[in-house]
PDB file of N, CA and C in Angstrom:
ATOM      1  N   MET A   1       0.840  -1.183   0.000  1.00  0.00           N
ATOM      2  CA  MET A   1       0.000   0.000   0.000  1.00  0.00           C
ATOM      3  C   MET A   1       0.883   1.243   0.000  1.00  0.00           C
ATOM      4  N   THR A   2       0.535   2.204  -0.826  1.00  0.00           N
ATOM      5  CA  THR A   2       1.308   3.442  -0.893  1.00  0.00           C
ATOM      6  C   THR A   2       0.563   4.544  -0.160  1.00  0.00           C
ATOM      7  N   THR A   3       1.324   5.476   0.354  1.00  0.00           N
ATOM      8  CA  THR A   3       0.694   6.617   1.015  1.00  0.00           C
ATOM      9  C   THR A   3       0.487   7.720  -0.004  1.00  0.00           C
ATOM     10  N   GLN A   4      -0.590   8.444   0.162  1.00  0.00           N
ATOM     11  CA  GLN A   4      -0.897   9.535  -0.746  1.00  0.00           C
ATOM     12  C   GLN A   4      -0.639  10.856  -0.041  1.00  0.00           C
ATOM     13  N   LYS A   5      -0.247  11.846  -0.822  1.00  0.00           N
ATOM     14  CA  LYS A   5      -0.069  13.179  -0.279  1.00  0.00           C
ATOM     15  C   LYS A   5      -1.437  13.758   0.052  1.00  0.00           C
ATOM     16  N   PRO A   6      -1.522  14.594   1.085  1.00  0.00           N
ATOM     17  CA  PRO A   6      -2.812  15.230   1.383  1.00  0.00           C
ATOM     18  C   PRO A   6      -3.237  16.130   0.231  1.00  0.00           C
ATOM     19  N   LYS A   7      -4.551  16.315   0.080  1.00  0.00           N
ATOM     20  CA  LYS A   7      -5.084  17.125  -1.011  1.00  0.00           C
ATOM     21  C   LYS A   7      -5.175  18.597  -0.633  1.00  0.00           C
ATOM     22  N   TYR A   8      -4.589  18.960   0.467  1.00  0.00           N
ATOM     23  CA  TYR A   8      -4.571  20.354   0.901  1.00  0.00           C
ATOM     24  C   TYR A   8      -3.128  20.786   1.091  1.00  0.00           C
ATOM     25  N   HIS A   9      -2.938  22.071   1.172  1.00  0.00           N
ATOM     26  CA  HIS A   9      -1.589  22.606   1.347  1.00  0.00           C
ATOM     27  C   HIS A   9      -1.407  23.027   2.793  1.00  0.00           C
ATOM     28  N   SER A  10      -0.347  22.584   3.402  1.00  0.00           N
ATOM     29  CA  SER A  10      -0.045  22.957   4.773  1.00  0.00           C
ATOM     30  C   SER A  10       0.430  24.406   4.812  1.00  0.00           C
ATOM     31  N   PRO A  11      -0.178  25.242   5.656  1.00  0.00           N
ATOM     32  CA  PRO A  11       0.242  26.641   5.716  1.00  0.00           C
ATOM     33  C   PRO A  11       1.671  26.822   6.227  1.00  0.00           C
ATOM     34  N   SER A  12       2.239  25.791   6.833  1.00  0.00           N
ATOM     35  CA  SER A  12       3.611  25.923   7.319  1.00  0.00           C
ATOM     36  C   SER A  12       4.631  25.772   6.194  1.00  0.00           C
ATOM     37  N   GLU A  13       4.186  25.325   5.025  1.00  0.00           N
ATOM     38  CA  GLU A  13       5.065  25.150   3.869  1.00  0.00           C
ATOM     39  C   GLU A  13       4.607  26.094   2.759  1.00  0.00           C
ATOM     40  N   PRO A  14       5.379  27.124   2.455  1.00  0.00           N
ATOM     41  CA  PRO A  14       4.948  28.043   1.399  1.00  0.00           C
ATOM     42  C   PRO A  14       4.936  27.358   0.035  1.00  0.00           C
ATOM     43  N   LEU A  15       3.965  27.737  -0.783  1.00  0.00           N
ATOM     44  CA  LEU A  15       3.903  27.222  -2.148  1.00  0.00           C
ATOM     45  C   LEU A  15       5.033  27.825  -2.972  1.00  0.00           C
ATOM     46  N   ALA A  16       5.585  27.030  -3.841  1.00  0.00           N
ATOM     47  CA  ALA A  16       6.579  27.556  -4.779  1.00  0.00           C
ATOM     48  C   ALA A  16       5.853  28.446  -5.780  1.00  0.00           C
ATOM     49  N   GLU A  17       6.506  29.510  -6.199  1.00  0.00           N
ATOM     50  CA  GLU A  17       5.887  30.394  -7.178  1.00  0.00           C
ATOM     51  C   GLU A  17       5.782  29.685  -8.521  1.00  0.00           C
ATOM     52  N   PRO A  18       4.645  29.817  -9.189  1.00  0.00           N
ATOM     53  CA  PRO A  18       4.521  29.229 -10.518  1.00  0.00           C
ATOM     54  C   PRO A  18       5.406  29.990 -11.501  1.00  0.00           C
ATOM     55  N   SER A  19       5.918  29.282 -12.475  1.00  0.00           N
ATOM     56  CA  SER A  19       6.767  29.926 -13.472  1.00  0.00           C
ATOM     57  C   SER A  19       6.010  30.063 -14.786  1.00  0.00           C
ATOM     58  N   ALA A  20       6.485  30.972 -15.609  1.00  0.00           N
ATOM     59  CA  ALA A  20       5.887  31.185 -16.921  1.00  0.00           C
ATOM     60  C   ALA A  20       6.274  30.039 -17.843  1.00  0.00           C
ATOM     61  N   LYS A  21       5.320  29.558 -18.612  1.00  0.00           N
ATOM     62  CA  LYS A  21       5.599  28.526 -19.609  1.00  0.00           C
ATOM     63  C   LYS A  21       6.232  29.192 -20.825  1.00  0.00           C
ATOM     64  N   PRO A  22       7.320  28.634 -21.319  1.00  0.00           N
ATOM     65  CA  PRO A  22       7.983  29.224 -22.486  1.00  0.00           C
ATOM     66  C   PRO A  22       7.025  29.365 -23.673  1.00  0.00           C
ATOM     67  N   GLY A  23       7.068  30.524 -24.291  1.00  0.00           N
ATOM     68  CA  GLY A  23       6.265  30.757 -25.485  1.00  0.00           C
ATOM     69  C   GLY A  23       4.841  31.216 -25.226  1.00  0.00           C
ATOM     70  N   CYS A  24       4.442  31.323 -23.953  1.00  0.00           N
ATOM     71  CA  CYS A  24       3.070  31.736 -23.643  1.00  0.00           C
ATOM     72  C   CYS A  24       3.071  33.208 -23.245  1.00  0.00           C
ATOM     73  N   SER A  25       2.429  34.017 -24.067  1.00  0.00           N
ATOM     74  CA  SER A  25       2.428  35.462 -23.800  1.00  0.00           C
ATOM     75  C   SER A  25       1.632  35.804 -22.541  1.00  0.00           C
ATOM     76  N   ALA A  26       0.579  35.048 -22.244  1.00  0.00           N
ATOM     77  CA  ALA A  26      -0.197  35.308 -21.028  1.00  0.00           C
ATOM     78  C   ALA A  26       0.648  35.026 -19.789  1.00  0.00           C
ATOM     79  N   CYS A  27       1.398  33.936 -19.807  1.00  0.00           N
ATOM     80  CA  CYS A  27       2.292  33.613 -18.689  1.00  0.00           C
ATOM     81  C   CYS A  27       3.333  34.710 -18.509  1.00  0.00           C
ATOM     82  N   MET A  28       3.924  35.149 -19.610  1.00  0.00           N
ATOM     83  CA  MET A  28       4.960  36.167 -19.531  1.00  0.00           C
ATOM     84  C   MET A  28       4.397  37.482 -18.998  1.00  0.00           C
ATOM     85  N   SER A  29       3.203  37.832 -19.422  1.00  0.00           N
ATOM     86  CA  SER A  29       2.567  39.057 -18.953  1.00  0.00           C
ATOM     87  C   SER A  29       2.346  38.997 -17.445  1.00  0.00           C
ATOM     88  N   LEU A  30       1.875  37.860 -16.962  1.00  0.00           N
ATOM     89  CA  LEU A  30       1.658  37.702 -15.525  1.00  0.00           C
ATOM     90  C   LEU A  30       2.978  37.715 -14.759  1.00  0.00           C
ATOM     91  N   ALA A  31       4.004  37.085 -15.310  1.00  0.00           N
ATOM     92  CA  ALA A  31       5.312  37.074 -14.654  1.00  0.00           C
ATOM     93  C   ALA A  31       5.887  38.489 -14.555  1.00  0.00           C
ATOM     94  N   VAL A  32       5.688  39.297 -15.588  1.00  0.00           N
ATOM     95  CA  VAL A  32       6.153  40.687 -15.563  1.00  0.00           C
ATOM     96  C   VAL A  32       5.357  41.479 -14.524  1.00  0.00           C
ATOM     97  N   ALA A  33       4.044  41.261 -14.470  1.00  0.00           N
ATOM     98  CA  ALA A  33       3.216  41.949 -13.473  1.00  0.00           C
ATOM     99  C   ALA A  33       3.661  41.578 -12.058  1.00  0.00           C
ATOM    100  N   ARG A  34       4.000  40.318 -11.856  1.00  0.00           N
ATOM    101  CA  ARG A  34       4.472  39.873 -10.535  1.00  0.00           C
ATOM    102  C   ARG A  34       5.791  40.552 -10.188  1.00  0.00           C
ATOM    103  N   GLN A  35       6.703  40.627 -11.144  1.00  0.00           N
ATOM    104  CA  GLN A  35       7.994  41.267 -10.882  1.00  0.00           C
ATOM    105  C   GLN A  35       7.822  42.756 -10.598  1.00  0.00           C
ATOM    106  N   ASN A  36       6.913  43.407 -11.318  1.00  0.00           N
ATOM    107  CA  ASN A  36       6.645  44.822 -11.066  1.00  0.00           C
ATOM    108  C   ASN A  36       6.076  45.025  -9.661  1.00  0.00           C
ATOM    109  N   ALA A  37       5.161  44.157  -9.268  1.00  0.00           N
ATOM    110  CA  ALA A  37       4.589  44.248  -7.918  1.00  0.00           C
ATOM    111  C   ALA A  37       5.663  44.035  -6.863  1.00  0.00           C
ATOM    112  N   ARG A  38       6.536  43.072  -7.094  1.00  0.00           N
ATOM    113  CA  ARG A  38       7.622  42.812  -6.148  1.00  0.00           C
ATOM    114  C   ARG A  38       8.558  44.022  -6.063  1.00  0.00           C
ATOM    115  N   SER A  39       8.831  44.650  -7.199  1.00  0.00           N
ATOM    116  CA  SER A  39       9.690  45.840  -7.215  1.00  0.00           C
ATOM    117  C   SER A  39       9.078  46.986  -6.415  1.00  0.00           C
ATOM    118  N   ASP A  40       7.746  47.043  -6.387  1.00  0.00           N
ATOM    119  CA  ASP A  40       7.030  48.067  -5.631  1.00  0.00           C
ATOM    120  C   ASP A  40       6.794  47.650  -4.177  1.00  0.00           C
ATOM    121  N   CYS A  41       7.329  46.484  -3.788  1.00  0.00           N
ATOM    122  CA  CYS A  41       7.121  45.931  -2.433  1.00  0.00           C
ATOM    123  C   CYS A  41       5.645  45.713  -2.130  1.00  0.00           C
ATOM    124  N   ASP A  42       4.861  45.407  -3.158  1.00  0.00           N
ATOM    125  CA  ASP A  42       3.427  45.135  -3.012  1.00  0.00           C
ATOM    126  C   ASP A  42       3.228  43.618  -3.010  1.00  0.00           C
ATOM    127  N   TYR A  43       3.466  43.017  -1.860  1.00  0.00           N
ATOM    128  CA  TYR A  43       3.466  41.554  -1.775  1.00  0.00           C
ATOM    129  C   TYR A  43       2.064  40.957  -1.844  1.00  0.00           C
ATOM    130  N   SER A  44       1.066  41.762  -1.556  1.00  0.00           N
ATOM    131  CA  SER A  44      -0.305  41.313  -1.748  1.00  0.00           C
ATOM    132  C   SER A  44      -0.569  41.121  -3.245  1.00  0.00           C
ATOM    133  N   ALA A  45      -0.102  42.052  -4.051  1.00  0.00           N
ATOM    134  CA  ALA A  45      -0.259  41.940  -5.506  1.00  0.00           C
ATOM    135  C   ALA A  45       0.564  40.770  -6.045  1.00  0.00           C
ATOM    136  N   VAL A  46       1.741  40.537  -5.466  1.00  0.00           N
ATOM    137  CA  VAL A  46       2.553  39.376  -5.873  1.00  0.00           C
ATOM    138  C   VAL A  46       1.749  38.100  -5.651  1.00  0.00           C
ATOM    139  N   SER A  47       1.130  38.001  -4.496  1.00  0.00           N
ATOM    140  CA  SER A  47       0.318  36.827  -4.181  1.00  0.00           C
ATOM    141  C   SER A  47      -0.870  36.703  -5.140  1.00  0.00           C
ATOM    142  N   ASP A  48      -1.525  37.826  -5.428  1.00  0.00           N
ATOM    143  CA  ASP A  48      -2.664  37.813  -6.356  1.00  0.00           C
ATOM    144  C   ASP A  48      -2.238  37.315  -7.734  1.00  0.00           C
ATOM    145  N   VAL A  49      -1.091  37.779  -8.217  1.00  0.00           N
ATOM    146  CA  VAL A  49      -0.612  37.352  -9.528  1.00  0.00           C
ATOM    147  C   VAL A  49      -0.267  35.861  -9.502  1.00  0.00           C
ATOM    148  N   ASN A  50       0.293  35.374  -8.403  1.00  0.00           N
ATOM    149  CA  ASN A  50       0.578  33.938  -8.305  1.00  0.00           C
ATOM    150  C   ASN A  50      -0.703  33.120  -8.430  1.00  0.00           C
ATOM    151  N   VAL A  51      -1.773  33.598  -7.798  1.00  0.00           N
ATOM    152  CA  VAL A  51      -3.066  32.912  -7.908  1.00  0.00           C
ATOM    153  C   VAL A  51      -3.539  32.939  -9.360  1.00  0.00           C
ATOM    154  N   GLU A  52      -3.441  34.096 -10.000  1.00  0.00           N
ATOM    155  CA  GLU A  52      -3.857  34.205 -11.411  1.00  0.00           C
ATOM    156  C   GLU A  52      -3.024  33.284 -12.301  1.00  0.00           C
ATOM    157  N   LEU A  53      -1.736  33.210 -12.040  1.00  0.00           N
ATOM    158  CA  LEU A  53      -0.860  32.375 -12.863  1.00  0.00           C
ATOM    159  C   LEU A  53      -1.184  30.893 -12.660  1.00  0.00           C
ATOM    160  N   ARG A  54      -1.467  30.486 -11.429  1.00  0.00           N
ATOM    161  CA  ARG A  54      -1.863  29.091 -11.188  1.00  0.00           C
ATOM    162  C   ARG A  54      -3.181  28.770 -11.893  1.00  0.00           C
ATOM    163  N   ARG A  55      -4.117  29.714 -11.839  1.00  0.00           N
ATOM    164  CA  ARG A  55      -5.411  29.517 -12.511  1.00  0.00           C
ATOM    165  C   ARG A  55      -5.196  29.419 -14.022  1.00  0.00           C
ATOM    166  N   HIS A  56      -4.360  30.294 -14.562  1.00  0.00           N
ATOM    167  CA  HIS A  56      -4.058  30.258 -15.992  1.00  0.00           C
ATOM    168  C   HIS A  56      -3.438  28.917 -16.374  1.00  0.00           C
ATOM    169  N   HIS A  57      -2.486  28.440 -15.578  1.00  0.00           N
ATOM    170  CA  HIS A  57      -1.855  27.138 -15.856  1.00  0.00           C
ATOM    171  C   HIS A  57      -2.912  26.036 -15.898  1.00  0.00           C
ATOM    172  N   ALA A  58      -3.822  26.048 -14.923  1.00  0.00           N
ATOM    173  CA  ALA A  58      -4.856  25.003 -14.859  1.00  0.00           C
ATOM    174  C   ALA A  58      -5.768  25.037 -16.077  1.00  0.00           C
ATOM    175  N   GLU A  59      -6.056  26.238 -16.565  1.00  0.00           N
ATOM    176  CA  GLU A  59      -6.964  26.362 -17.705  1.00  0.00           C
ATOM    177  C   GLU A  59      -6.276  26.204 -19.050  1.00  0.00           C
ATOM    178  N   ALA A  60      -5.077  26.741 -19.201  1.00  0.00           N
ATOM    179  CA  ALA A  60      -4.428  26.781 -20.512  1.00  0.00           C
ATOM    180  C   ALA A  60      -3.349  25.732 -20.710  1.00  0.00           C
ATOM    181  N   HIS A  61      -2.781  25.236 -19.631  1.00  0.00           N
ATOM    182  CA  HIS A  61      -1.649  24.314 -19.748  1.00  0.00           C
ATOM    183  C   HIS A  61      -1.892  23.025 -18.966  1.00  0.00           C
ATOM    184  N   ARG A  62      -3.056  22.475 -19.122  1.00  0.00           N
ATOM    185  CA  ARG A  62      -3.356  21.239 -18.390  1.00  0.00           C
ATOM    186  C   ARG A  62      -2.341  20.176 -18.724  1.00  0.00           C
ATOM    187  N   ALA A  63      -1.801  19.592 -17.686  1.00  0.00           N
ATOM    188  CA  ALA A  63      -0.749  18.572 -17.876  1.00  0.00           C
ATOM    189  C   ALA A  63      -1.328  17.202 -18.126  1.00  0.00           C
TER     190      ALA A  63
END
């Protein structure tokens, strides 16, 4: 019998930031927006863009 990973994320372990998929202009646009937010020290916006990028990956780049 194998053990399965939990289907939830533990708040004690931060999620890795999603990366832009090569050749995808939407991914690149979001990655630039995230970098701009980080440059402005707007970490709430950084988090928002990470959520948008994960959603985009789920919709456009299903594995």
